[in-house]
PDB file of N, CA and C in Angstrom:
ATOM      1  N   UNK A   1       1.104  -0.149  -0.156  1.00  0.00           N
ATOM      2  CA  UNK A   1      -0.301   0.421  -0.277  1.00  0.00           C
ATOM      3  C   UNK A   1       1.165   1.120   0.194  1.00  0.00           C
ATOM      4  N   UNK A   2       0.864   2.410  -0.471  1.00  0.00           N
ATOM      5  CA  UNK A   2       1.090   3.269  -0.655  1.00  0.00           C
ATOM      6  C   UNK A   2       0.823   3.983   0.466  1.00  0.00           C
ATOM      7  N   UNK A   3       1.856   5.144   0.386  1.00  0.00           N
ATOM      8  CA  UNK A   3       1.973   6.223   1.747  1.00  0.00           C
ATOM      9  C   UNK A   3       0.116   6.938   1.405  1.00  0.00           C
ATOM     10  N   UNK A   4       0.146   6.574   0.222  1.00  0.00           N
ATOM     11  CA  UNK A   4      -1.406   8.238  -0.038  1.00  0.00           C
ATOM     12  C   UNK A   4      -2.759   7.498   0.349  1.00  0.00           C
ATOM     13  N   UNK A   5      -2.447   5.676   0.218  1.00  0.00           N
ATOM     14  CA  UNK A   5      -3.620   4.788   0.175  1.00  0.00           C
ATOM     15  C   UNK A   5      -3.898   5.061   1.812  1.00  0.00           C
ATOM     16  N   UNK A   6      -2.941   5.037   3.102  1.00  0.00           N
ATOM     17  CA  UNK A   6      -2.387   4.842   4.417  1.00  0.00           C
ATOM     18  C   UNK A   6      -3.257   6.150   4.952  1.00  0.00           C
ATOM     19  N   UNK A   7      -2.464   7.051   4.432  1.00  0.00           N
ATOM     20  CA  UNK A   7      -3.621   8.372   4.342  1.00  0.00           C
ATOM     21  C   UNK A   7      -5.186   8.391   4.125  1.00  0.00           C
ATOM     22  N   UNK A   8      -5.239   8.058   3.406  1.00  0.00           N
ATOM     23  CA  UNK A   8      -7.308   8.058   3.375  1.00  0.00           C
ATOM     24  C   UNK A   8      -7.302   7.501   3.973  1.00  0.00           C
ATOM     25  N   UNK A   9      -6.824   6.271   3.738  1.00  0.00           N
ATOM     26  CA  UNK A   9      -7.697   5.075   4.981  1.00  0.00           C
ATOM     27  C   UNK A   9      -7.563   5.582   6.699  1.00  0.00           C
ATOM     28  N   UNK A  10      -6.554   6.504   6.958  1.00  0.00           N
ATOM     29  CA  UNK A  10      -6.390   6.609   8.345  1.00  0.00           C
ATOM     30  C   UNK A  10      -7.801   7.694   8.533  1.00  0.00           C
ATOM     31  N   UNK A  11      -7.581   9.068   7.522  1.00  0.00           N
ATOM     32  CA  UNK A  11      -8.357   9.859   7.298  1.00  0.00           C
ATOM     33  C   UNK A  11     -10.192   9.054   7.445  1.00  0.00           C
ATOM     34  N   UNK A  12     -10.478   8.498   7.295  1.00  0.00           N
ATOM     35  CA  UNK A  12     -11.225   8.375   6.784  1.00  0.00           C
ATOM     36  C   UNK A  12     -11.821   7.371   7.927  1.00  0.00           C
ATOM     37  N   UNK A  13     -10.794   6.566   8.759  1.00  0.00           N
ATOM     38  CA  UNK A  13     -11.614   6.049   9.295  1.00  0.00           C
ATOM     39  C   UNK A  13     -11.605   7.112  11.100  1.00  0.00           C
ATOM     40  N   UNK A  14     -10.550   7.571  10.909  1.00  0.00           N
ATOM     41  CA  UNK A  14     -10.540   8.883  12.400  1.00  0.00           C
ATOM     42  C   UNK A  14     -11.862   9.893  11.862  1.00  0.00           C
ATOM     43  N   UNK A  15     -12.093  10.207  10.931  1.00  0.00           N
ATOM     44  CA  UNK A  15     -13.482  10.708  10.743  1.00  0.00           C
ATOM     45  C   UNK A  15     -14.520   9.977  10.741  1.00  0.00           C
ATOM     46  N   UNK A  16     -14.391   8.997  11.344  1.00  0.00           N
ATOM     47  CA  UNK A  16     -15.828   8.326  11.035  1.00  0.00           C
ATOM     48  C   UNK A  16     -15.875   8.098  12.478  1.00  0.00           C
ATOM     49  N   UNK A  17     -14.655   7.856  13.247  1.00  0.00           N
ATOM     50  CA  UNK A  17     -14.872   7.503  14.197  1.00  0.00           C
ATOM     51  C   UNK A  17     -15.193   9.288  15.290  1.00  0.00           C
ATOM     52  N   UNK A  18     -14.993   9.696  14.654  1.00  0.00           N
ATOM     53  CA  UNK A  18     -14.804  11.077  15.160  1.00  0.00           C
ATOM     54  C   UNK A  18     -15.942  11.406  15.086  1.00  0.00           C
ATOM     55  N   UNK A  19     -17.125  11.363  14.063  1.00  0.00           N
ATOM     56  CA  UNK A  19     -18.648  11.569  13.266  1.00  0.00           C
ATOM     57  C   UNK A  19     -19.747  10.435  14.010  1.00  0.00           C
ATOM     58  N   UNK A  20     -18.878   9.452  14.726  1.00  0.00           N
ATOM     59  CA  UNK A  20     -19.623   8.389  15.351  1.00  0.00           C
ATOM     60  C   UNK A  20     -19.706   8.804  17.178  1.00  0.00           C
ATOM     61  N   UNK A  21     -18.965   9.369  17.011  1.00  0.00           N
ATOM     62  CA  UNK A  21     -19.340   9.974  18.784  1.00  0.00           C
ATOM     63  C   UNK A  21     -19.427  10.936  18.300  1.00  0.00           C
ATOM     64  N   UNK A  22     -19.445  11.745  17.761  1.00  0.00           N
ATOM     65  CA  UNK A  22     -20.391  13.352  17.711  1.00  0.00           C
ATOM     66  C   UNK A  22     -22.271  13.041  17.489  1.00  0.00           C
ATOM     67  N   UNK A  23     -22.523  11.665  16.813  1.00  0.00           N
ATOM     68  CA  UNK A  23     -22.965  11.268  16.694  1.00  0.00           C
ATOM     69  C   UNK A  23     -24.161  10.661  17.941  1.00  0.00           C
ATOM     70  N   UNK A  24     -23.460  10.137  18.306  1.00  0.00           N
ATOM     71  CA  UNK A  24     -23.294   8.899  19.860  1.00  0.00           C
ATOM     72  C   UNK A  24     -24.158  10.268  21.118  1.00  0.00           C
ATOM     73  N   UNK A  25     -23.439  11.332  21.143  1.00  0.00           N
ATOM     74  CA  UNK A  25     -23.145  12.354  22.114  1.00  0.00           C
ATOM     75  C   UNK A  25     -24.610  13.004  22.077  1.00  0.00           C
ATOM     76  N   UNK A  26     -25.448  13.390  20.330  1.00  0.00           N
ATOM     77  CA  UNK A  26     -26.062  13.280  19.812  1.00  0.00           C
ATOM     78  C   UNK A  26     -27.639  13.624  20.751  1.00  0.00           C
ATOM     79  N   UNK A  27     -27.754  12.688  19.567  1.00  0.00           N
ATOM     80  CA  UNK A  27     -29.454  10.964  20.649  1.00  0.00           C
ATOM     81  C   UNK A  27     -28.752  10.389  21.619  1.00  0.00           C
ATOM     82  N   UNK A  28     -27.797  10.642  21.859  1.00  0.00           N
ATOM     83  CA  UNK A  28     -28.401  10.188  23.382  1.00  0.00           C
ATOM     84  C   UNK A  28     -28.050  10.450  24.583  1.00  0.00           C
ATOM     85  N   UNK A  29     -27.062  11.411  24.365  1.00  0.00           N
ATOM     86  CA  UNK A  29     -26.798  11.932  25.687  1.00  0.00           C
ATOM     87  C   UNK A  29     -27.523  13.358  25.579  1.00  0.00           C
ATOM     88  N   UNK A  30     -27.647  14.046  25.179  1.00  0.00           N
ATOM     89  CA  UNK A  30     -28.420  15.233  25.273  1.00  0.00           C
ATOM     90  C   UNK A  30     -29.841  15.039  24.922  1.00  0.00           C
ATOM     91  N   UNK A  31     -30.415  13.945  24.770  1.00  0.00           N
ATOM     92  CA  UNK A  31     -31.698  13.952  24.997  1.00  0.00           C
ATOM     93  C   UNK A  31     -31.946  13.685  26.584  1.00  0.00           C
ATOM     94  N   UNK A  32     -30.940  12.702  27.114  1.00  0.00           N
ATOM     95  CA  UNK A  32     -31.009  12.062  28.689  1.00  0.00           C
ATOM     96  C   UNK A  32     -30.984  13.228  29.348  1.00  0.00           C
ATOM     97  N   UNK A  33     -30.031  14.195  29.002  1.00  0.00           N
ATOM     98  CA  UNK A  33     -29.769  15.077  29.855  1.00  0.00           C
ATOM     99  C   UNK A  33     -30.384  16.478  30.319  1.00  0.00           C
ATOM    100  N   UNK A  34     -31.469  15.980  28.685  1.00  0.00           N
ATOM    101  CA  UNK A  34     -32.872  17.567  29.342  1.00  0.00           C
ATOM    102  C   UNK A  34     -33.662  16.651  30.218  1.00  0.00           C
ATOM    103  N   UNK A  35     -33.968  15.420  30.435  1.00  0.00           N
ATOM    104  CA  UNK A  35     -35.174  15.290  31.793  1.00  0.00           C
ATOM    105  C   UNK A  35     -34.394  14.892  33.085  1.00  0.00           C
ATOM    106  N   UNK A  36     -33.433  15.702  33.349  1.00  0.00           N
ATOM    107  CA  UNK A  36     -33.083  15.856  34.662  1.00  0.00           C
ATOM    108  C   UNK A  36     -33.618  17.836  35.309  1.00  0.00           C
ATOM    109  N   UNK A  37     -32.640  17.503  36.963  1.00  0.00           N
ATOM    110  CA  UNK A  37     -32.894  18.719  36.937  1.00  0.00           C
ATOM    111  C   UNK A  37     -31.534  19.450  36.639  1.00  0.00           C
ATOM    112  N   UNK A  38     -31.727  20.667  36.814  1.00  0.00           N
ATOM    113  CA  UNK A  38     -30.571  21.230  36.517  1.00  0.00           C
ATOM    114  C   UNK A  38     -29.446  20.943  36.720  1.00  0.00           C
ATOM    115  N   UNK A  39     -29.868  20.615  38.844  1.00  0.00           N
ATOM    116  CA  UNK A  39     -28.202  20.050  39.358  1.00  0.00           C
ATOM    117  C   UNK A  39     -27.788  19.060  38.701  1.00  0.00           C
ATOM    118  N   UNK A  40     -28.799  18.027  39.159  1.00  0.00           N
ATOM    119  CA  UNK A  40     -28.009  17.249  38.192  1.00  0.00           C
ATOM    120  C   UNK A  40     -27.546  16.747  36.813  1.00  0.00           C
ATOM    121  N   UNK A  41     -28.139  17.805  35.589  1.00  0.00           N
ATOM    122  CA  UNK A  41     -27.642  17.834  34.468  1.00  0.00           C
ATOM    123  C   UNK A  41     -25.792  18.649  34.792  1.00  0.00           C
ATOM    124  N   UNK A  42     -25.846  19.364  35.359  1.00  0.00           N
ATOM    125  CA  UNK A  42     -24.442  20.056  35.951  1.00  0.00           C
ATOM    126  C   UNK A  42     -23.115  19.089  36.129  1.00  0.00           C
ATOM    127  N   UNK A  43     -23.321  18.277  37.205  1.00  0.00           N
ATOM    128  CA  UNK A  43     -23.111  17.447  38.226  1.00  0.00           C
ATOM    129  C   UNK A  43     -22.712  16.530  37.057  1.00  0.00           C
ATOM    130  N   UNK A  44     -24.053  15.414  35.897  1.00  0.00           N
ATOM    131  CA  UNK A  44     -23.601  15.101  34.981  1.00  0.00           C
ATOM    132  C   UNK A  44     -22.565  15.168  34.330  1.00  0.00           C
ATOM    133  N   UNK A  45     -22.814  16.004  33.389  1.00  0.00           N
ATOM    134  CA  UNK A  45     -22.271  17.137  32.823  1.00  0.00           C
ATOM    135  C   UNK A  45     -20.671  17.051  32.745  1.00  0.00           C
ATOM    136  N   UNK A  46     -20.466  17.342  33.824  1.00  0.00           N
ATOM    137  CA  UNK A  46     -19.078  17.196  34.222  1.00  0.00           C
ATOM    138  C   UNK A  46     -18.156  15.771  34.415  1.00  0.00           C
ATOM    139  N   UNK A  47     -19.079  15.032  35.491  1.00  0.00           N
ATOM    140  CA  UNK A  47     -18.941  13.693  35.052  1.00  0.00           C
ATOM    141  C   UNK A  47     -18.417  13.140  34.253  1.00  0.00           C
ATOM    142  N   UNK A  48     -19.514  13.772  32.988  1.00  0.00           N
ATOM    143  CA  UNK A  48     -18.633  13.326  31.041  1.00  0.00           C
ATOM    144  C   UNK A  48     -17.630  14.390  31.066  1.00  0.00           C
ATOM    145  N   UNK A  49     -17.659  15.578  30.837  1.00  0.00           N
ATOM    146  CA  UNK A  49     -16.048  16.362  30.426  1.00  0.00           C
ATOM    147  C   UNK A  49     -15.257  15.430  30.617  1.00  0.00           C
ATOM    148  N   UNK A  50     -14.763  14.780  32.112  1.00  0.00           N
ATOM    149  CA  UNK A  50     -13.426  14.954  33.110  1.00  0.00           C
ATOM    150  C   UNK A  50     -13.990  12.976  32.589  1.00  0.00           C
ATOM    151  N   UNK A  51     -14.399  12.606  32.167  1.00  0.00           N
ATOM    152  CA  UNK A  51     -14.406  10.502  31.500  1.00  0.00           C
ATOM    153  C   UNK A  51     -13.910  10.916  30.671  1.00  0.00           C
ATOM    154  N   UNK A  52     -14.672  12.143  29.236  1.00  0.00           N
ATOM    155  CA  UNK A  52     -14.459  11.843  28.312  1.00  0.00           C
ATOM    156  C   UNK A  52     -12.656  12.640  27.679  1.00  0.00           C
ATOM    157  N   UNK A  53     -12.003  13.204  28.783  1.00  0.00           N
ATOM    158  CA  UNK A  53      -9.945  13.779  28.360  1.00  0.00           C
ATOM    159  C   UNK A  53      -9.892  12.626  28.975  1.00  0.00           C
ATOM    160  N   UNK A  54      -9.897  12.436  27.856  1.00  0.00           N
ATOM    161  CA  UNK A  54      -8.292  10.480  28.709  1.00  0.00           C
ATOM    162  C   UNK A  54      -7.930  10.608  26.743  1.00  0.00           C
ATOM    163  N   UNK A  55      -7.031   9.773  26.780  1.00  0.00           N
ATOM    164  CA  UNK A  55      -5.533   9.337  26.574  1.00  0.00           C
ATOM    165  C   UNK A  55      -6.442   9.486  24.507  1.00  0.00           C
ATOM    166  N   UNK A  56      -6.758   8.480  24.731  1.00  0.00           N
ATOM    167  CA  UNK A  56      -6.918   8.123  23.690  1.00  0.00           C
ATOM    168  C   UNK A  56      -8.397   8.618  23.230  1.00  0.00           C
ATOM    169  N   UNK A  57      -9.402   9.457  23.633  1.00  0.00           N
ATOM    170  CA  UNK A  57      -9.737  10.900  22.477  1.00  0.00           C
ATOM    171  C   UNK A  57      -9.202  11.940  21.879  1.00  0.00           C
ATOM    172  N   UNK A  58      -8.393  11.761  23.237  1.00  0.00           N
ATOM    173  CA  UNK A  58      -7.532  13.585  22.393  1.00  0.00           C
ATOM    174  C   UNK A  58      -6.491  12.932  21.449  1.00  0.00           C
ATOM    175  N   UNK A  59      -6.226  11.730  21.313  1.00  0.00           N
ATOM    176  CA  UNK A  59      -5.205  11.515  20.343  1.00  0.00           C
ATOM    177  C   UNK A  59      -6.127  11.699  19.190  1.00  0.00           C
ATOM    178  N   UNK A  60      -7.326  10.536  18.937  1.00  0.00           N
ATOM    179  CA  UNK A  60      -8.505  10.846  17.790  1.00  0.00           C
ATOM    180  C   UNK A  60      -8.544  12.295  17.605  1.00  0.00           C
ATOM    181  N   UNK A  61      -8.819  13.192  18.839  1.00  0.00           N
ATOM    182  CA  UNK A  61      -9.868  14.486  18.477  1.00  0.00           C
ATOM    183  C   UNK A  61      -8.041  15.237  17.793  1.00  0.00           C
ATOM    184  N   UNK A  62      -7.637  15.555  18.042  1.00  0.00           N
ATOM    185  CA  UNK A  62      -6.259  15.748  17.206  1.00  0.00           C
ATOM    186  C   UNK A  62      -5.246  14.975  16.577  1.00  0.00           C
ATOM    187  N   UNK A  63      -5.243  14.248  15.908  1.00  0.00           N
ATOM    188  CA  UNK A  63      -4.958  14.196  15.417  1.00  0.00           C
ATOM    189  C   UNK A  63      -6.263  13.989  13.575  1.00  0.00           C
ATOM    190  N   UNK A  64      -6.919  14.154  13.401  1.00  0.00           N
ATOM    191  CA  UNK A  64      -8.000  13.297  13.125  1.00  0.00           C
ATOM    192  C   UNK A  64      -7.880  15.078  12.138  1.00  0.00           C
ATOM    193  N   UNK A  65      -8.078  15.868  12.220  1.00  0.00           N
ATOM    194  CA  UNK A  65      -8.038  16.919  11.502  1.00  0.00           C
ATOM    195  C   UNK A  65      -5.992  16.954  10.760  1.00  0.00           C
ATOM    196  N   UNK A  66      -6.119  16.517  11.267  1.00  0.00           N
ATOM    197  CA  UNK A  66      -4.315  16.549  10.770  1.00  0.00           C
ATOM    198  C   UNK A  66      -4.148  15.386  10.066  1.00  0.00           C
ATOM    199  N   UNK A  67      -4.374  14.748  10.347  1.00  0.00           N
ATOM    200  CA  UNK A  67      -4.528  13.517   9.413  1.00  0.00           C
ATOM    201  C   UNK A  67      -5.565  14.377   7.793  1.00  0.00           C
ATOM    202  N   UNK A  68      -6.380  14.300   7.947  1.00  0.00           N
ATOM    203  CA  UNK A  68      -7.412  15.308   6.604  1.00  0.00           C
ATOM    204  C   UNK A  68      -6.251  15.809   5.798  1.00  0.00           C
ATOM    205  N   UNK A  69      -5.492  16.597   6.270  1.00  0.00           N
ATOM    206  CA  UNK A  69      -5.321  17.621   5.683  1.00  0.00           C
ATOM    207  C   UNK A  69      -3.380  17.459   4.655  1.00  0.00           C
ATOM    208  N   UNK A  70      -3.003  16.577   5.517  1.00  0.00           N
ATOM    209  CA  UNK A  70      -2.214  15.797   5.006  1.00  0.00           C
ATOM    210  C   UNK A  70      -2.314  14.945   4.316  1.00  0.00           C
ATOM    211  N   UNK A  71      -3.855  13.895   4.204  1.00  0.00           N
ATOM    212  CA  UNK A  71      -4.302  13.631   3.180  1.00  0.00           C
ATOM    213  C   UNK A  71      -4.603  13.788   2.032  1.00  0.00           C
ATOM    214  N   UNK A  72      -5.438  15.569   1.962  1.00  0.00           N
ATOM    215  CA  UNK A  72      -5.675  16.432   1.552  1.00  0.00           C
ATOM    216  C   UNK A  72      -4.763  16.520   0.235  1.00  0.00           C
ATOM    217  N   UNK A  73      -3.731  17.141   0.821  1.00  0.00           N
ATOM    218  CA  UNK A  73      -2.101  17.937   0.314  1.00  0.00           C
ATOM    219  C   UNK A  73      -1.932  16.569  -0.471  1.00  0.00           C
ATOM    220  N   UNK A  74      -1.587  15.005   0.130  1.00  0.00           N
ATOM    221  CA  UNK A  74      -0.736  13.866  -0.372  1.00  0.00           C
ATOM    222  C   UNK A  74      -1.485  14.037  -2.029  1.00  0.00           C
ATOM    223  N   UNK A  75      -3.105  14.365  -2.125  1.00  0.00           N
ATOM    224  CA  UNK A  75      -4.179  13.762  -3.034  1.00  0.00           C
ATOM    225  C   UNK A  75      -3.885  14.565  -4.026  1.00  0.00           C
ATOM    226  N   UNK A  76      -3.954  15.966  -3.515  1.00  0.00           N
ATOM    227  CA  UNK A  76      -4.008  16.810  -4.348  1.00  0.00           C
ATOM    228  C   UNK A  76      -2.368  16.994  -5.546  1.00  0.00           C
ATOM    229  N   UNK A  77      -1.522  16.458  -4.682  1.00  0.00           N
ATOM    230  CA  UNK A  77      -0.128  16.827  -5.518  1.00  0.00           C
ATOM    231  C   UNK A  77       0.380  16.323  -6.408  1.00  0.00           C
ATOM    232  N   UNK A  78      -1.032  14.941  -6.021  1.00  0.00           N
ATOM    233  CA  UNK A  78      -0.548  13.667  -7.339  1.00  0.00           C
ATOM    234  C   UNK A  78      -0.802  14.675  -8.511  1.00  0.00           C
ATOM    235  N   UNK A  79      -0.032  13.784  -9.721  1.00  0.00           N
ATOM    236  CA  UNK A  79      -0.478  15.268 -10.572  1.00  0.00           C
ATOM    237  C   UNK A  79      -2.311  14.226 -11.352  1.00  0.00           C
ATOM    238  N   UNK A  80      -2.403  13.932 -11.633  1.00  0.00           N
ATOM    239  CA  UNK A  80      -4.293  12.914 -12.371  1.00  0.00           C
ATOM    240  C   UNK A  80      -4.608  13.628 -11.196  1.00  0.00           C
ATOM    241  N   UNK A  81      -4.501  13.539  -9.878  1.00  0.00           N
ATOM    242  CA  UNK A  81      -5.761  14.173  -8.937  1.00  0.00           C
ATOM    243  C   UNK A  81      -5.835  15.724  -8.954  1.00  0.00           C
ATOM    244  N   UNK A  82      -4.566  16.763  -9.377  1.00  0.00           N
ATOM    245  CA  UNK A  82      -4.285  17.400 -10.009  1.00  0.00           C
ATOM    246  C   UNK A  82      -5.401  18.417 -11.392  1.00  0.00           C
ATOM    247  N   UNK A  83      -5.414  16.981 -12.348  1.00  0.00           N
ATOM    248  CA  UNK A  83      -6.276  18.325 -12.809  1.00  0.00           C
ATOM    249  C   UNK A  83      -7.641  17.443 -13.280  1.00  0.00           C
ATOM    250  N   UNK A  84      -7.803  16.509 -12.227  1.00  0.00           N
ATOM    251  CA  UNK A  84      -9.431  15.831 -12.749  1.00  0.00           C
ATOM    252  C   UNK A  84     -10.133  16.759 -11.537  1.00  0.00           C
ATOM    253  N   UNK A  85      -9.471  17.075  -9.779  1.00  0.00           N
ATOM    254  CA  UNK A  85     -10.246  18.316  -9.293  1.00  0.00           C
ATOM    255  C   UNK A  85     -11.512  18.581  -9.699  1.00  0.00           C
ATOM    256  N   UNK A  86     -10.432  20.039 -11.155  1.00  0.00           N
ATOM    257  CA  UNK A  86     -11.036  21.075 -11.265  1.00  0.00           C
ATOM    258  C   UNK A  86     -11.799  20.785 -12.459  1.00  0.00           C
ATOM    259  N   UNK A  87     -12.008  19.728 -12.775  1.00  0.00           N
ATOM    260  CA  UNK A  87     -12.433  19.663 -14.463  1.00  0.00           C
ATOM    261  C   UNK A  87     -13.641  19.565 -13.780  1.00  0.00           C
ATOM    262  N   UNK A  88     -14.587  18.911 -13.383  1.00  0.00           N
ATOM    263  CA  UNK A  88     -16.310  19.430 -12.379  1.00  0.00           C
ATOM    264  C   UNK A  88     -16.668  20.557 -12.522  1.00  0.00           C
ATOM    265  N   UNK A  89     -15.820  21.549 -12.095  1.00  0.00           N
ATOM    266  CA  UNK A  89     -15.861  22.328 -12.083  1.00  0.00           C
ATOM    267  C   UNK A  89     -15.665  24.333 -13.091  1.00  0.00           C
ATOM    268  N   UNK A  90     -14.928  23.239 -13.792  1.00  0.00           N
ATOM    269  CA  UNK A  90     -15.085  23.731 -15.122  1.00  0.00           C
ATOM    270  C   UNK A  90     -14.268  25.449 -15.063  1.00  0.00           C
ATOM    271  N   UNK A  91     -12.786  25.019 -13.816  1.00  0.00           N
ATOM    272  CA  UNK A  91     -12.267  26.272 -13.553  1.00  0.00           C
ATOM    273  C   UNK A  91     -10.809  25.771 -14.050  1.00  0.00           C
ATOM    274  N   UNK A  92     -10.879  24.652 -14.483  1.00  0.00           N
ATOM    275  CA  UNK A  92      -9.567  24.507 -14.836  1.00  0.00           C
ATOM    276  C   UNK A  92      -8.391  24.554 -15.936  1.00  0.00           C
ATOM    277  N   UNK A  93      -9.472  25.560 -17.114  1.00  0.00           N
ATOM    278  CA  UNK A  93      -8.675  26.271 -17.521  1.00  0.00           C
ATOM    279  C   UNK A  93      -8.718  28.463 -17.618  1.00  0.00           C
ATOM    280  N   UNK A  94      -9.610  28.137 -16.155  1.00  0.00           N
ATOM    281  CA  UNK A  94      -9.493  29.995 -15.914  1.00  0.00           C
ATOM    282  C   UNK A  94      -8.723  30.778 -15.871  1.00  0.00           C
ATOM    283  N   UNK A  95      -8.565  32.281 -15.798  1.00  0.00           N
ATOM    284  CA  UNK A  95      -7.690  32.644 -15.337  1.00  0.00           C
ATOM    285  C   UNK A  95      -7.112  33.299 -13.898  1.00  0.00           C
ATOM    286  N   UNK A  96      -5.979  33.538 -13.441  1.00  0.00           N
ATOM    287  CA  UNK A  96      -6.514  33.358 -11.863  1.00  0.00           C
ATOM    288  C   UNK A  96      -6.750  34.423 -11.522  1.00  0.00           C
ATOM    289  N   UNK A  97      -8.385  35.211 -11.334  1.00  0.00           N
ATOM    290  CA  UNK A  97      -9.261  35.748 -11.129  1.00  0.00           C
ATOM    291  C   UNK A  97      -9.946  35.945 -11.957  1.00  0.00           C
ATOM    292  N   UNK A  98     -11.895  35.833 -11.556  1.00  0.00           N
ATOM    293  CA  UNK A  98     -12.752  36.799 -12.732  1.00  0.00           C
ATOM    294  C   UNK A  98     -11.987  38.362 -13.739  1.00  0.00           C
ATOM    295  N   UNK A  99     -11.911  39.109 -12.690  1.00  0.00           N
ATOM    296  CA  UNK A  99     -12.409  40.020 -13.248  1.00  0.00           C
ATOM    297  C   UNK A  99     -10.769  40.684 -13.487  1.00  0.00           C
ATOM    298  N   UNK A 100      -9.383  39.673 -13.032  1.00  0.00           N
ATOM    299  CA  UNK A 100      -8.005  40.528 -13.741  1.00  0.00           C
ATOM    300  C   UNK A 100      -7.710  39.064 -15.131  1.00  0.00           C
ATOM    301  N   UNK A 101      -6.875  39.387 -15.874  1.00  0.00           N
ATOM    302  CA  UNK A 101      -6.476  38.413 -16.742  1.00  0.00           C
ATOM    303  C   UNK A 101      -4.829  38.785 -17.123  1.00  0.00           C
ATOM    304  N   UNK A 102      -4.310  37.861 -17.939  1.00  0.00           N
ATOM    305  CA  UNK A 102      -2.672  38.271 -17.013  1.00  0.00           C
ATOM    306  C   UNK A 102      -2.142  38.730 -18.844  1.00  0.00           C
ATOM    307  N   UNK A 103      -1.419  39.517 -18.848  1.00  0.00           N
ATOM    308  CA  UNK A 103      -0.726  40.494 -19.919  1.00  0.00           C
ATOM    309  C   UNK A 103       0.403  38.812 -20.500  1.00  0.00           C
ATOM    310  N   UNK A 104       1.033  39.928 -21.622  1.00  0.00           N
ATOM    311  CA  UNK A 104       2.259  39.067 -21.959  1.00  0.00           C
ATOM    312  C   UNK A 104       3.676  39.407 -21.064  1.00  0.00           C
ATOM    313  N   UNK A 105       2.819  39.903 -19.862  1.00  0.00           N
ATOM    314  CA  UNK A 105       4.134  39.897 -19.510  1.00  0.00           C
ATOM    315  C   UNK A 105       4.094  39.128 -18.123  1.00  0.00           C
ATOM    316  N   UNK A 106       2.688  38.283 -18.189  1.00  0.00           N
ATOM    317  CA  UNK A 106       2.853  37.702 -17.344  1.00  0.00           C
ATOM    318  C   UNK A 106       1.940  38.578 -15.869  1.00  0.00           C
ATOM    319  N   UNK A 107       1.788  39.871 -15.751  1.00  0.00           N
ATOM    320  CA  UNK A 107       1.582  40.819 -14.771  1.00  0.00           C
ATOM    321  C   UNK A 107      -0.223  41.059 -14.554  1.00  0.00           C
ATOM    322  N   UNK A 108      -0.409  40.942 -13.380  1.00  0.00           N
ATOM    323  CA  UNK A 108      -2.539  40.957 -13.132  1.00  0.00           C
ATOM    324  C   UNK A 108      -2.991  42.514 -14.033  1.00  0.00           C
ATOM    325  N   UNK A 109      -3.425  42.119 -14.844  1.00  0.00           N
ATOM    326  CA  UNK A 109      -4.475  43.920 -15.415  1.00  0.00           C
ATOM    327  C   UNK A 109      -5.836  43.717 -14.905  1.00  0.00           C
ATOM    328  N   UNK A 110      -5.627  44.775 -14.753  1.00  0.00           N
ATOM    329  CA  UNK A 110      -7.499  45.156 -14.550  1.00  0.00           C
ATOM    330  C   UNK A 110      -8.389  45.285 -15.464  1.00  0.00           C
ATOM    331  N   UNK A 111      -9.614  44.888 -15.036  1.00  0.00           N
ATOM    332  CA  UNK A 111     -10.336  45.288 -16.842  1.00  0.00           C
ATOM    333  C   UNK A 111     -10.228  46.998 -17.101  1.00  0.00           C
ATOM    334  N   UNK A 112     -10.498  47.483 -16.218  1.00  0.00           N
ATOM    335  CA  UNK A 112     -10.342  48.320 -15.985  1.00  0.00           C
ATOM    336  C   UNK A 112      -9.065  49.437 -17.062  1.00  0.00           C
ATOM    337  N   UNK A 113      -7.997  48.641 -16.917  1.00  0.00           N
ATOM    338  CA  UNK A 113      -6.723  49.174 -17.340  1.00  0.00           C
ATOM    339  C   UNK A 113      -6.639  48.711 -18.839  1.00  0.00           C
ATOM    340  N   UNK A 114      -7.550  47.806 -18.645  1.00  0.00           N
ATOM    341  CA  UNK A 114      -7.673  46.383 -20.803  1.00  0.00           C
ATOM    342  C   UNK A 114      -8.060  47.294 -21.548  1.00  0.00           C
ATOM    343  N   UNK A 115      -9.723  47.779 -20.939  1.00  0.00           N
ATOM    344  CA  UNK A 115     -10.495  48.854 -21.736  1.00  0.00           C
ATOM    345  C   UNK A 115      -9.611  49.685 -22.061  1.00  0.00           C
ATOM    346  N   UNK A 116      -8.646  50.410 -21.396  1.00  0.00           N
ATOM    347  CA  UNK A 116      -8.002  51.057 -21.589  1.00  0.00           C
ATOM    348  C   UNK A 116      -7.285  51.491 -22.805  1.00  0.00           C
ATOM    349  N   UNK A 117      -6.350  50.310 -22.708  1.00  0.00           N
ATOM    350  CA  UNK A 117      -5.144  50.201 -23.809  1.00  0.00           C
ATOM    351  C   UNK A 117      -5.763  49.883 -25.128  1.00  0.00           C
ATOM    352  N   UNK A 118      -7.458  49.137 -24.657  1.00  0.00           N
ATOM    353  CA  UNK A 118      -7.800  48.888 -26.398  1.00  0.00           C
ATOM    354  C   UNK A 118      -8.132  50.071 -26.978  1.00  0.00           C
TER     355      UNK A 118
END
């Protein structure tokens, strides 16, 4: 397996783990805490916050965005991916910006200065 493939698998797995945690939290913990008194809610949330801050959660929480960015950069740098990425958007042959174009000396020229030249 290539490094790009390993990065892709790691990013999918770590994103899935974090999404599962957040989904489980949203559909089970939050509705359950709505049913208790304010004093018990506060004690419950403080206990949950103490317990979730463990090394496994911290590593997964911190590593996931990093792995996603590294995997995206690695796949973007592959020559075929770079070409295919922009093709569906129609931006594969666009100038650098919509309101500017390049002159012969590769300087950005505003549309008003192009109109003045003509």
